[in-house]
Amino acid sequence: MKDKVYAYLKTIPKGKVTTYGRIALWLGNKHYARAVGNVLHGNPDPAQYPCHRVVNSKGKMAENYAFGGPEAQRKRLENEGIIFEENGTVNLEKYGI
């Protein structure tokens, strides 16, 4: 499963996001969302596998983002052109794939 998750991450373009659940559905089981999060937490190379482009189903940052916390994740997304809502979430209709 790890290899499939990392391969999927490479398909998310700059300035776009997806959710743990969408990756889980792509893997074939919506209940894999937590497992997807665990895979991302062990990401060996965030430059190659852009896990910062994965948010939760409400567009919120990962509380346990492995590379500096939710503020670091937000900064990376902002650097790619994503504009956050007033409540700190990503508009999934606008930026989601």
PDB file of N, CA and C in Angstrom:
ATOM      1  N   MET A   1       0.818  -1.187   0.000  1.00  0.00           N
ATOM      2  CA  MET A   1       0.000   0.000   0.000  1.00  0.00           C
ATOM      3  C   MET A   1       0.862   1.250   0.000  1.00  0.00           C
ATOM      4  N   LYS A   2       1.979   1.213   0.710  1.00  0.00           N
ATOM      5  CA  LYS A   2       2.866   2.378   0.797  1.00  0.00           C
ATOM      6  C   LYS A   2       3.253   2.905  -0.576  1.00  0.00           C
ATOM      7  N   ASP A   3       3.703   2.010  -1.417  1.00  0.00           N
ATOM      8  CA  ASP A   3       4.150   2.419  -2.751  1.00  0.00           C
ATOM      9  C   ASP A   3       3.024   3.070  -3.550  1.00  0.00           C
ATOM     10  N   LYS A   4       1.808   2.550  -3.405  1.00  0.00           N
ATOM     11  CA  LYS A   4       0.672   3.121  -4.122  1.00  0.00           C
ATOM     12  C   LYS A   4       0.355   4.526  -3.610  1.00  0.00           C
ATOM     13  N   VAL A   5       0.412   4.707  -2.301  1.00  0.00           N
ATOM     14  CA  VAL A   5       0.151   6.038  -1.721  1.00  0.00           C
ATOM     15  C   VAL A   5       1.196   7.027  -2.220  1.00  0.00           C
ATOM     16  N   TYR A   6       2.459   6.643  -2.180  1.00  0.00           N
ATOM     17  CA  TYR A   6       3.513   7.550  -2.637  1.00  0.00           C
ATOM     18  C   TYR A   6       3.386   7.848  -4.123  1.00  0.00           C
ATOM     19  N   ALA A   7       2.990   6.865  -4.911  1.00  0.00           N
ATOM     20  CA  ALA A   7       2.778   7.097  -6.339  1.00  0.00           C
ATOM     21  C   ALA A   7       1.637   8.088  -6.547  1.00  0.00           C
ATOM     22  N   TYR A   8       0.584   7.969  -5.761  1.00  0.00           N
ATOM     23  CA  TYR A   8      -0.549   8.887  -5.874  1.00  0.00           C
ATOM     24  C   TYR A   8      -0.133  10.315  -5.534  1.00  0.00           C
ATOM     25  N   LEU A   9       0.671  10.473  -4.491  1.00  0.00           N
ATOM     26  CA  LEU A   9       1.116  11.810  -4.090  1.00  0.00           C
ATOM     27  C   LEU A   9       1.793  12.539  -5.240  1.00  0.00           C
ATOM     28  N   LYS A  10       2.529  11.818  -6.046  1.00  0.00           N
ATOM     29  CA  LYS A  10       3.254  12.426  -7.166  1.00  0.00           C
ATOM     30  C   LYS A  10       2.315  12.968  -8.238  1.00  0.00           C
ATOM     31  N   THR A  11       1.045  12.546  -8.217  1.00  0.00           N
ATOM     32  CA  THR A  11       0.094  13.004  -9.234  1.00  0.00           C
ATOM     33  C   THR A  11      -0.645  14.279  -8.815  1.00  0.00           C
ATOM     34  N   ILE A  12      -0.488  14.705  -7.571  1.00  0.00           N
ATOM     35  CA  ILE A  12      -1.194  15.898  -7.097  1.00  0.00           C
ATOM     36  C   ILE A  12      -0.402  17.124  -7.556  1.00  0.00           C
ATOM     37  N   PRO A  13      -0.988  17.951  -8.413  1.00  0.00           N
ATOM     38  CA  PRO A  13      -0.244  19.113  -8.916  1.00  0.00           C
ATOM     39  C   PRO A  13      -0.072  20.203  -7.861  1.00  0.00           C
ATOM     40  N   LYS A  14       0.925  21.040  -8.070  1.00  0.00           N
ATOM     41  CA  LYS A  14       1.114  22.204  -7.201  1.00  0.00           C
ATOM     42  C   LYS A  14      -0.157  23.031  -7.209  1.00  0.00           C
ATOM     43  N   GLY A  15      -0.508  23.563  -6.038  1.00  0.00           N
ATOM     44  CA  GLY A  15      -1.688  24.404  -5.943  1.00  0.00           C
ATOM     45  C   GLY A  15      -2.988  23.629  -5.811  1.00  0.00           C
ATOM     46  N   LYS A  16      -2.886  22.320  -5.637  1.00  0.00           N
ATOM     47  CA  LYS A  16      -4.057  21.470  -5.446  1.00  0.00           C
ATOM     48  C   LYS A  16      -3.857  20.602  -4.212  1.00  0.00           C
ATOM     49  N   VAL A  17      -4.958  20.090  -3.674  1.00  0.00           N
ATOM     50  CA  VAL A  17      -4.896  19.187  -2.525  1.00  0.00           C
ATOM     51  C   VAL A  17      -5.837  18.016  -2.756  1.00  0.00           C
ATOM     52  N   THR A  18      -5.668  17.020  -1.946  1.00  0.00           N
ATOM     53  CA  THR A  18      -6.617  15.918  -1.863  1.00  0.00           C
ATOM     54  C   THR A  18      -6.784  15.579  -0.394  1.00  0.00           C
ATOM     55  N   THR A  19      -7.626  14.605  -0.110  1.00  0.00           N
ATOM     56  CA  THR A  19      -7.864  14.217   1.282  1.00  0.00           C
ATOM     57  C   THR A  19      -7.395  12.785   1.514  1.00  0.00           C
ATOM     58  N   TYR A  20      -7.244  12.458   2.787  1.00  0.00           N
ATOM     59  CA  TYR A  20      -6.895  11.087   3.149  1.00  0.00           C
ATOM     60  C   TYR A  20      -7.964  10.133   2.623  1.00  0.00           C
ATOM     61  N   GLY A  21      -9.213  10.537   2.760  1.00  0.00           N
ATOM     62  CA  GLY A  21     -10.320   9.699   2.317  1.00  0.00           C
ATOM     63  C   GLY A  21     -10.339   9.471   0.819  1.00  0.00           C
ATOM     64  N   ARG A  22     -10.009  10.487   0.056  1.00  0.00           N
ATOM     65  CA  ARG A  22      -9.982  10.319  -1.405  1.00  0.00           C
ATOM     66  C   ARG A  22      -8.874   9.358  -1.820  1.00  0.00           C
ATOM     67  N   ILE A  23      -7.751   9.443  -1.141  1.00  0.00           N
ATOM     68  CA  ILE A  23      -6.677   8.486  -1.432  1.00  0.00           C
ATOM     69  C   ILE A  23      -7.136   7.081  -1.043  1.00  0.00           C
ATOM     70  N   ALA A  24      -7.800   6.966   0.107  1.00  0.00           N
ATOM     71  CA  ALA A  24      -8.305   5.668   0.558  1.00  0.00           C
ATOM     72  C   ALA A  24      -9.283   5.080  -0.464  1.00  0.00           C
ATOM     73  N   LEU A  25     -10.191   5.905  -0.982  1.00  0.00           N
ATOM     74  CA  LEU A  25     -11.130   5.427  -2.006  1.00  0.00           C
ATOM     75  C   LEU A  25     -10.386   4.973  -3.254  1.00  0.00           C
ATOM     76  N   TRP A  26      -9.363   5.734  -3.628  1.00  0.00           N
ATOM     77  CA  TRP A  26      -8.557   5.358  -4.787  1.00  0.00           C
ATOM     78  C   TRP A  26      -7.890   3.995  -4.559  1.00  0.00           C
ATOM     79  N   LEU A  27      -7.519   3.730  -3.305  1.00  0.00           N
ATOM     80  CA  LEU A  27      -6.917   2.438  -2.957  1.00  0.00           C
ATOM     81  C   LEU A  27      -7.951   1.316  -2.931  1.00  0.00           C
ATOM     82  N   GLY A  28      -9.247   1.698  -2.896  1.00  0.00           N
ATOM     83  CA  GLY A  28     -10.290   0.686  -2.944  1.00  0.00           C
ATOM     84  C   GLY A  28     -11.081   0.493  -1.671  1.00  0.00           C
ATOM     85  N   ASN A  29     -10.772   1.269  -0.618  1.00  0.00           N
ATOM     86  CA  ASN A  29     -11.504   1.097   0.635  1.00  0.00           C
ATOM     87  C   ASN A  29     -11.500   2.405   1.411  1.00  0.00           C
ATOM     88  N   LYS A  30     -12.678   3.012   1.578  1.00  0.00           N
ATOM     89  CA  LYS A  30     -12.769   4.303   2.269  1.00  0.00           C
ATOM     90  C   LYS A  30     -12.286   4.236   3.709  1.00  0.00           C
ATOM     91  N   HIS A  31     -12.215   3.045   4.263  1.00  0.00           N
ATOM     92  CA  HIS A  31     -11.780   2.882   5.651  1.00  0.00           C
ATOM     93  C   HIS A  31     -10.254   2.905   5.800  1.00  0.00           C
ATOM     94  N   TYR A  32      -9.537   3.061   4.713  1.00  0.00           N
ATOM     95  CA  TYR A  32      -8.077   3.119   4.753  1.00  0.00           C
ATOM     96  C   TYR A  32      -7.536   4.521   5.053  1.00  0.00           C
ATOM     97  N   ALA A  33      -8.398   5.485   5.294  1.00  0.00           N
ATOM     98  CA  ALA A  33      -7.954   6.870   5.473  1.00  0.00           C
ATOM     99  C   ALA A  33      -6.910   6.997   6.579  1.00  0.00           C
ATOM    100  N   ARG A  34      -7.129   6.354   7.701  1.00  0.00           N
ATOM    101  CA  ARG A  34      -6.161   6.421   8.797  1.00  0.00           C
ATOM    102  C   ARG A  34      -4.838   5.762   8.396  1.00  0.00           C
ATOM    103  N   ALA A  35      -4.919   4.669   7.680  1.00  0.00           N
ATOM    104  CA  ALA A  35      -3.704   3.994   7.212  1.00  0.00           C
ATOM    105  C   ALA A  35      -2.932   4.897   6.255  1.00  0.00           C
ATOM    106  N   VAL A  36      -3.660   5.638   5.417  1.00  0.00           N
ATOM    107  CA  VAL A  36      -3.007   6.595   4.513  1.00  0.00           C
ATOM    108  C   VAL A  36      -2.251   7.625   5.341  1.00  0.00           C
ATOM    109  N   GLY A  37      -2.876   8.138   6.397  1.00  0.00           N
ATOM    110  CA  GLY A  37      -2.210   9.098   7.282  1.00  0.00           C
ATOM    111  C   GLY A  37      -0.948   8.527   7.892  1.00  0.00           C
ATOM    112  N   ASN A  38      -0.999   7.276   8.292  1.00  0.00           N
ATOM    113  CA  ASN A  38       0.187   6.638   8.869  1.00  0.00           C
ATOM    114  C   ASN A  38       1.310   6.518   7.843  1.00  0.00           C
ATOM    115  N   VAL A  39       0.956   6.205   6.608  1.00  0.00           N
ATOM    116  CA  VAL A  39       1.959   6.134   5.538  1.00  0.00           C
ATOM    117  C   VAL A  39       2.592   7.510   5.345  1.00  0.00           C
ATOM    118  N   LEU A  40       1.756   8.546   5.284  1.00  0.00           N
ATOM    119  CA  LEU A  40       2.273   9.889   5.054  1.00  0.00           C
ATOM    120  C   LEU A  40       3.173  10.347   6.196  1.00  0.00           C
ATOM    121  N   HIS A  41       2.846   9.942   7.397  1.00  0.00           N
ATOM    122  CA  HIS A  41       3.658  10.335   8.549  1.00  0.00           C
ATOM    123  C   HIS A  41       5.083   9.770   8.451  1.00  0.00           C
ATOM    124  N   GLY A  42       5.226   8.665   7.732  1.00  0.00           N
ATOM    125  CA  GLY A  42       6.544   8.067   7.556  1.00  0.00           C
ATOM    126  C   GLY A  42       7.197   8.422   6.235  1.00  0.00           C
ATOM    127  N   ASN A  43       6.723   9.454   5.591  1.00  0.00           N
ATOM    128  CA  ASN A  43       7.228   9.863   4.275  1.00  0.00           C
ATOM    129  C   ASN A  43       8.752  10.021   4.304  1.00  0.00           C
ATOM    130  N   PRO A  44       9.467   9.247   3.499  1.00  0.00           N
ATOM    131  CA  PRO A  44      10.928   9.316   3.510  1.00  0.00           C
ATOM    132  C   PRO A  44      11.505  10.509   2.755  1.00  0.00           C
ATOM    133  N   ASP A  45      10.701  11.131   1.879  1.00  0.00           N
ATOM    134  CA  ASP A  45      11.228  12.191   1.028  1.00  0.00           C
ATOM    135  C   ASP A  45      10.113  13.159   0.628  1.00  0.00           C
ATOM    136  N   PRO A  46       9.810  14.161   1.492  1.00  0.00           N
ATOM    137  CA  PRO A  46       8.709  15.065   1.199  1.00  0.00           C
ATOM    138  C   PRO A  46       8.902  15.904  -0.069  1.00  0.00           C
ATOM    139  N   ALA A  47      10.124  16.053  -0.534  1.00  0.00           N
ATOM    140  CA  ALA A  47      10.345  16.779  -1.788  1.00  0.00           C
ATOM    141  C   ALA A  47       9.833  15.955  -2.973  1.00  0.00           C
ATOM    142  N   GLN A  48       9.996  14.657  -2.907  1.00  0.00           N
ATOM    143  CA  GLN A  48       9.555  13.768  -3.970  1.00  0.00           C
ATOM    144  C   GLN A  48       8.084  13.385  -3.800  1.00  0.00           C
ATOM    145  N   TYR A  49       7.640  13.237  -2.559  1.00  0.00           N
ATOM    146  CA  TYR A  49       6.272  12.821  -2.254  1.00  0.00           C
ATOM    147  C   TYR A  49       5.593  13.940  -1.457  1.00  0.00           C
ATOM    148  N   PRO A  50       4.881  14.847  -2.130  1.00  0.00           N
ATOM    149  CA  PRO A  50       4.351  16.055  -1.487  1.00  0.00           C
ATOM    150  C   PRO A  50       3.156  15.805  -0.569  1.00  0.00           C
ATOM    151  N   CYS A  51       3.432  15.239   0.589  1.00  0.00           N
ATOM    152  CA  CYS A  51       2.355  14.920   1.525  1.00  0.00           C
ATOM    153  C   CYS A  51       1.690  16.171   2.099  1.00  0.00           C
ATOM    154  N   HIS A  52       2.320  17.327   1.955  1.00  0.00           N
ATOM    155  CA  HIS A  52       1.681  18.558   2.439  1.00  0.00           C
ATOM    156  C   HIS A  52       0.423  18.878   1.645  1.00  0.00           C
ATOM    157  N   ARG A  53       0.220  18.230   0.526  1.00  0.00           N
ATOM    158  CA  ARG A  53      -0.967  18.465  -0.305  1.00  0.00           C
ATOM    159  C   ARG A  53      -2.149  17.586   0.091  1.00  0.00           C
ATOM    160  N   VAL A  54      -2.042  16.925   1.236  1.00  0.00           N
ATOM    161  CA  VAL A  54      -3.131  16.089   1.730  1.00  0.00           C
ATOM    162  C   VAL A  54      -3.696  16.725   3.003  1.00  0.00           C
ATOM    163  N   VAL A  55      -5.003  16.960   3.000  1.00  0.00           N
ATOM    164  CA  VAL A  55      -5.703  17.564   4.134  1.00  0.00           C
ATOM    165  C   VAL A  55      -6.843  16.635   4.551  1.00  0.00           C
ATOM    166  N   ASN A  56      -7.497  16.972   5.660  1.00  0.00           N
ATOM    167  CA  ASN A  56      -8.601  16.107   6.064  1.00  0.00           C
ATOM    168  C   ASN A  56      -9.863  16.439   5.273  1.00  0.00           C
ATOM    169  N   SER A  57     -10.924  15.724   5.533  1.00  0.00           N
ATOM    170  CA  SER A  57     -12.153  15.852   4.742  1.00  0.00           C
ATOM    171  C   SER A  57     -12.829  17.208   4.890  1.00  0.00           C
ATOM    172  N   LYS A  58     -12.421  17.980   5.880  1.00  0.00           N
ATOM    173  CA  LYS A  58     -12.973  19.323   6.076  1.00  0.00           C
ATOM    174  C   LYS A  58     -12.039  20.405   5.555  1.00  0.00           C
ATOM    175  N   GLY A  59     -10.931  19.990   4.957  1.00  0.00           N
ATOM    176  CA  GLY A  59      -9.966  20.945   4.431  1.00  0.00           C
ATOM    177  C   GLY A  59      -8.999  21.468   5.468  1.00  0.00           C
ATOM    178  N   LYS A  60      -8.937  20.799   6.623  1.00  0.00           N
ATOM    179  CA  LYS A  60      -8.038  21.233   7.702  1.00  0.00           C
ATOM    180  C   LYS A  60      -6.658  20.605   7.541  1.00  0.00           C
ATOM    181  N   MET A  61      -5.680  21.310   8.085  1.00  0.00           N
ATOM    182  CA  MET A  61      -4.312  20.817   8.070  1.00  0.00           C
ATOM    183  C   MET A  61      -4.182  19.624   9.010  1.00  0.00           C
ATOM    184  N   ALA A  62      -3.165  18.828   8.751  1.00  0.00           N
ATOM    185  CA  ALA A  62      -2.883  17.678   9.609  1.00  0.00           C
ATOM    186  C   ALA A  62      -2.334  18.163  10.944  1.00  0.00           C
ATOM    187  N   GLU A  63      -2.980  17.777  12.023  1.00  0.00           N
ATOM    188  CA  GLU A  63      -2.508  18.169  13.357  1.00  0.00           C
ATOM    189  C   GLU A  63      -1.101  17.631  13.616  1.00  0.00           C
ATOM    190  N   ASN A  64      -0.811  16.477  13.060  1.00  0.00           N
ATOM    191  CA  ASN A  64       0.493  15.847  13.290  1.00  0.00           C
ATOM    192  C   ASN A  64       1.347  15.860  12.033  1.00  0.00           C
ATOM    193  N   TYR A  65       1.257  16.934  11.260  1.00  0.00           N
ATOM    194  CA  TYR A  65       2.065  17.023  10.049  1.00  0.00           C
ATOM    195  C   TYR A  65       3.523  16.795  10.430  1.00  0.00           C
ATOM    196  N   ALA A  66       4.113  15.795   9.826  1.00  0.00           N
ATOM    197  CA  ALA A  66       5.419  15.286  10.252  1.00  0.00           C
ATOM    198  C   ALA A  66       6.586  16.231   9.993  1.00  0.00           C
ATOM    199  N   PHE A  67       6.379  17.266   9.202  1.00  0.00           N
ATOM    200  CA  PHE A  67       7.508  18.106   8.820  1.00  0.00           C
ATOM    201  C   PHE A  67       7.343  19.537   9.302  1.00  0.00           C
ATOM    202  N   GLY A  68       6.962  19.699  10.574  1.00  0.00           N
ATOM    203  CA  GLY A  68       6.893  21.030  11.164  1.00  0.00           C
ATOM    204  C   GLY A  68       5.539  21.441  11.693  1.00  0.00           C
ATOM    205  N   GLY A  69       4.567  20.553  11.672  1.00  0.00           N
ATOM    206  CA  GLY A  69       3.252  20.866  12.208  1.00  0.00           C
ATOM    207  C   GLY A  69       2.347  21.543  11.197  1.00  0.00           C
ATOM    208  N   PRO A  70       1.106  21.841  11.609  1.00  0.00           N
ATOM    209  CA  PRO A  70       0.114  22.389  10.682  1.00  0.00           C
ATOM    210  C   PRO A  70       0.501  23.741  10.092  1.00  0.00           C
ATOM    211  N   GLU A  71       1.228  24.557  10.819  1.00  0.00           N
ATOM    212  CA  GLU A  71       1.634  25.862  10.276  1.00  0.00           C
ATOM    213  C   GLU A  71       2.635  25.697   9.131  1.00  0.00           C
ATOM    214  N   ALA A  72       3.519  24.720   9.256  1.00  0.00           N
ATOM    215  CA  ALA A  72       4.472  24.451   8.170  1.00  0.00           C
ATOM    216  C   ALA A  72       3.747  23.927   6.940  1.00  0.00           C
ATOM    217  N   GLN A  73       2.749  23.083   7.162  1.00  0.00           N
ATOM    218  CA  GLN A  73       1.965  22.573   6.037  1.00  0.00           C
ATOM    219  C   GLN A  73       1.231  23.722   5.359  1.00  0.00           C
ATOM    220  N   ARG A  74       0.617  24.576   6.151  1.00  0.00           N
ATOM    221  CA  ARG A  74      -0.117  25.711   5.588  1.00  0.00           C
ATOM    222  C   ARG A  74       0.815  26.606   4.771  1.00  0.00           C
ATOM    223  N   LYS A  75       1.993  26.879   5.308  1.00  0.00           N
ATOM    224  CA  LYS A  75       2.951  27.741   4.610  1.00  0.00           C
ATOM    225  C   LYS A  75       3.330  27.144   3.256  1.00  0.00           C
ATOM    226  N   ARG A  76       3.550  25.845   3.219  1.00  0.00           N
ATOM    227  CA  ARG A  76       3.893  25.185   1.952  1.00  0.00           C
ATOM    228  C   ARG A  76       2.759  25.333   0.937  1.00  0.00           C
ATOM    229  N   LEU A  77       1.531  25.153   1.404  1.00  0.00           N
ATOM    230  CA  LEU A  77       0.387  25.281   0.503  1.00  0.00           C
ATOM    231  C   LEU A  77       0.203  26.718   0.034  1.00  0.00           C
ATOM    232  N   GLU A  78       0.376  27.660   0.930  1.00  0.00           N
ATOM    233  CA  GLU A  78       0.287  29.071   0.544  1.00  0.00           C
ATOM    234  C   GLU A  78       1.349  29.419  -0.483  1.00  0.00           C
ATOM    235  N   ASN A  79       2.545  28.859  -0.332  1.00  0.00           N
ATOM    236  CA  ASN A  79       3.616  29.095  -1.296  1.00  0.00           C
ATOM    237  C   ASN A  79       3.276  28.546  -2.680  1.00  0.00           C
ATOM    238  N   GLU A  80       2.332  27.615  -2.736  1.00  0.00           N
ATOM    239  CA  GLU A  80       1.890  27.057  -4.017  1.00  0.00           C
ATOM    240  C   GLU A  80       0.662  27.787  -4.557  1.00  0.00           C
ATOM    241  N   GLY A  81       0.224  28.837  -3.858  1.00  0.00           N
ATOM    242  CA  GLY A  81      -0.884  29.644  -4.356  1.00  0.00           C
ATOM    243  C   GLY A  81      -2.243  29.364  -3.742  1.00  0.00           C
ATOM    244  N   ILE A  82      -2.306  28.468  -2.786  1.00  0.00           N
ATOM    245  CA  ILE A  82      -3.589  28.175  -2.143  1.00  0.00           C
ATOM    246  C   ILE A  82      -3.921  29.281  -1.149  1.00  0.00           C
ATOM    247  N   ILE A  83      -5.127  29.797  -1.266  1.00  0.00           N
ATOM    248  CA  ILE A  83      -5.613  30.835  -0.357  1.00  0.00           C
ATOM    249  C   ILE A  83      -6.579  30.176   0.617  1.00  0.00           C
ATOM    250  N   PHE A  84      -6.333  30.375   1.894  1.00  0.00           N
ATOM    251  CA  PHE A  84      -7.132  29.735   2.932  1.00  0.00           C
ATOM    252  C   PHE A  84      -8.383  30.536   3.255  1.00  0.00           C
ATOM    253  N   GLU A  85      -9.420  29.828   3.658  1.00  0.00           N
ATOM    254  CA  GLU A  85     -10.652  30.443   4.118  1.00  0.00           C
ATOM    255  C   GLU A  85     -10.388  31.132   5.463  1.00  0.00           C
ATOM    256  N   GLU A  86     -11.290  31.992   5.889  1.00  0.00           N
ATOM    257  CA  GLU A  86     -11.133  32.689   7.173  1.00  0.00           C
ATOM    258  C   GLU A  86     -11.004  31.728   8.343  1.00  0.00           C
ATOM    259  N   ASN A  87     -11.649  30.565   8.238  1.00  0.00           N
ATOM    260  CA  ASN A  87     -11.596  29.592   9.334  1.00  0.00           C
ATOM    261  C   ASN A  87     -10.346  28.707   9.275  1.00  0.00           C
ATOM    262  N   GLY A  88      -9.425  29.002   8.353  1.00  0.00           N
ATOM    263  CA  GLY A  88      -8.161  28.276   8.280  1.00  0.00           C
ATOM    264  C   GLY A  88      -8.196  26.993   7.466  1.00  0.00           C
ATOM    265  N   THR A  89      -9.270  26.774   6.724  1.00  0.00           N
ATOM    266  CA  THR A  89      -9.367  25.560   5.921  1.00  0.00           C
ATOM    267  C   THR A  89      -9.111  25.861   4.447  1.00  0.00           C
ATOM    268  N   VAL A  90      -8.875  24.791   3.706  1.00  0.00           N
ATOM    269  CA  VAL A  90      -8.722  24.872   2.257  1.00  0.00           C
ATOM    270  C   VAL A  90     -10.085  24.602   1.642  1.00  0.00           C
ATOM    271  N   ASN A  91     -10.489  25.399   0.674  1.00  0.00           N
ATOM    272  CA  ASN A  91     -11.738  25.177  -0.040  1.00  0.00           C
ATOM    273  C   ASN A  91     -11.528  23.988  -0.986  1.00  0.00           C
ATOM    274  N   LEU A  92     -12.103  22.849  -0.617  1.00  0.00           N
ATOM    275  CA  LEU A  92     -11.882  21.636  -1.393  1.00  0.00           C
ATOM    276  C   LEU A  92     -12.556  21.676  -2.761  1.00  0.00           C
ATOM    277  N   GLU A  93     -13.622  22.450  -2.908  1.00  0.00           N
ATOM    278  CA  GLU A  93     -14.255  22.569  -4.215  1.00  0.00           C
ATOM    279  C   GLU A  93     -13.349  23.318  -5.179  1.00  0.00           C
ATOM    280  N   LYS A  94     -12.615  24.289  -4.671  1.00  0.00           N
ATOM    281  CA  LYS A  94     -11.737  25.096  -5.503  1.00  0.00           C
ATOM    282  C   LYS A  94     -10.372  24.443  -5.735  1.00  0.00           C
ATOM    283  N   TYR A  95      -9.793  23.882  -4.668  1.00  0.00           N
ATOM    284  CA  TYR A  95      -8.421  23.380  -4.754  1.00  0.00           C
ATOM    285  C   TYR A  95      -8.296  21.850  -4.748  1.00  0.00           C
ATOM    286  N   GLY A  96      -9.394  21.161  -4.509  1.00  0.00           N
ATOM    287  CA  GLY A  96      -9.328  19.708  -4.431  1.00  0.00           C
ATOM    288  C   GLY A  96      -9.261  19.033  -5.789  1.00  0.00           C
ATOM    289  N   ILE A  97      -8.652  17.872  -5.797  1.00  0.00           N
ATOM    290  CA  ILE A  97      -8.647  17.043  -7.019  1.00  0.00           C
ATOM    291  C   ILE A  97      -9.377  15.756  -6.708  1.00  0.00           C
TER     292      ILE A  97
END
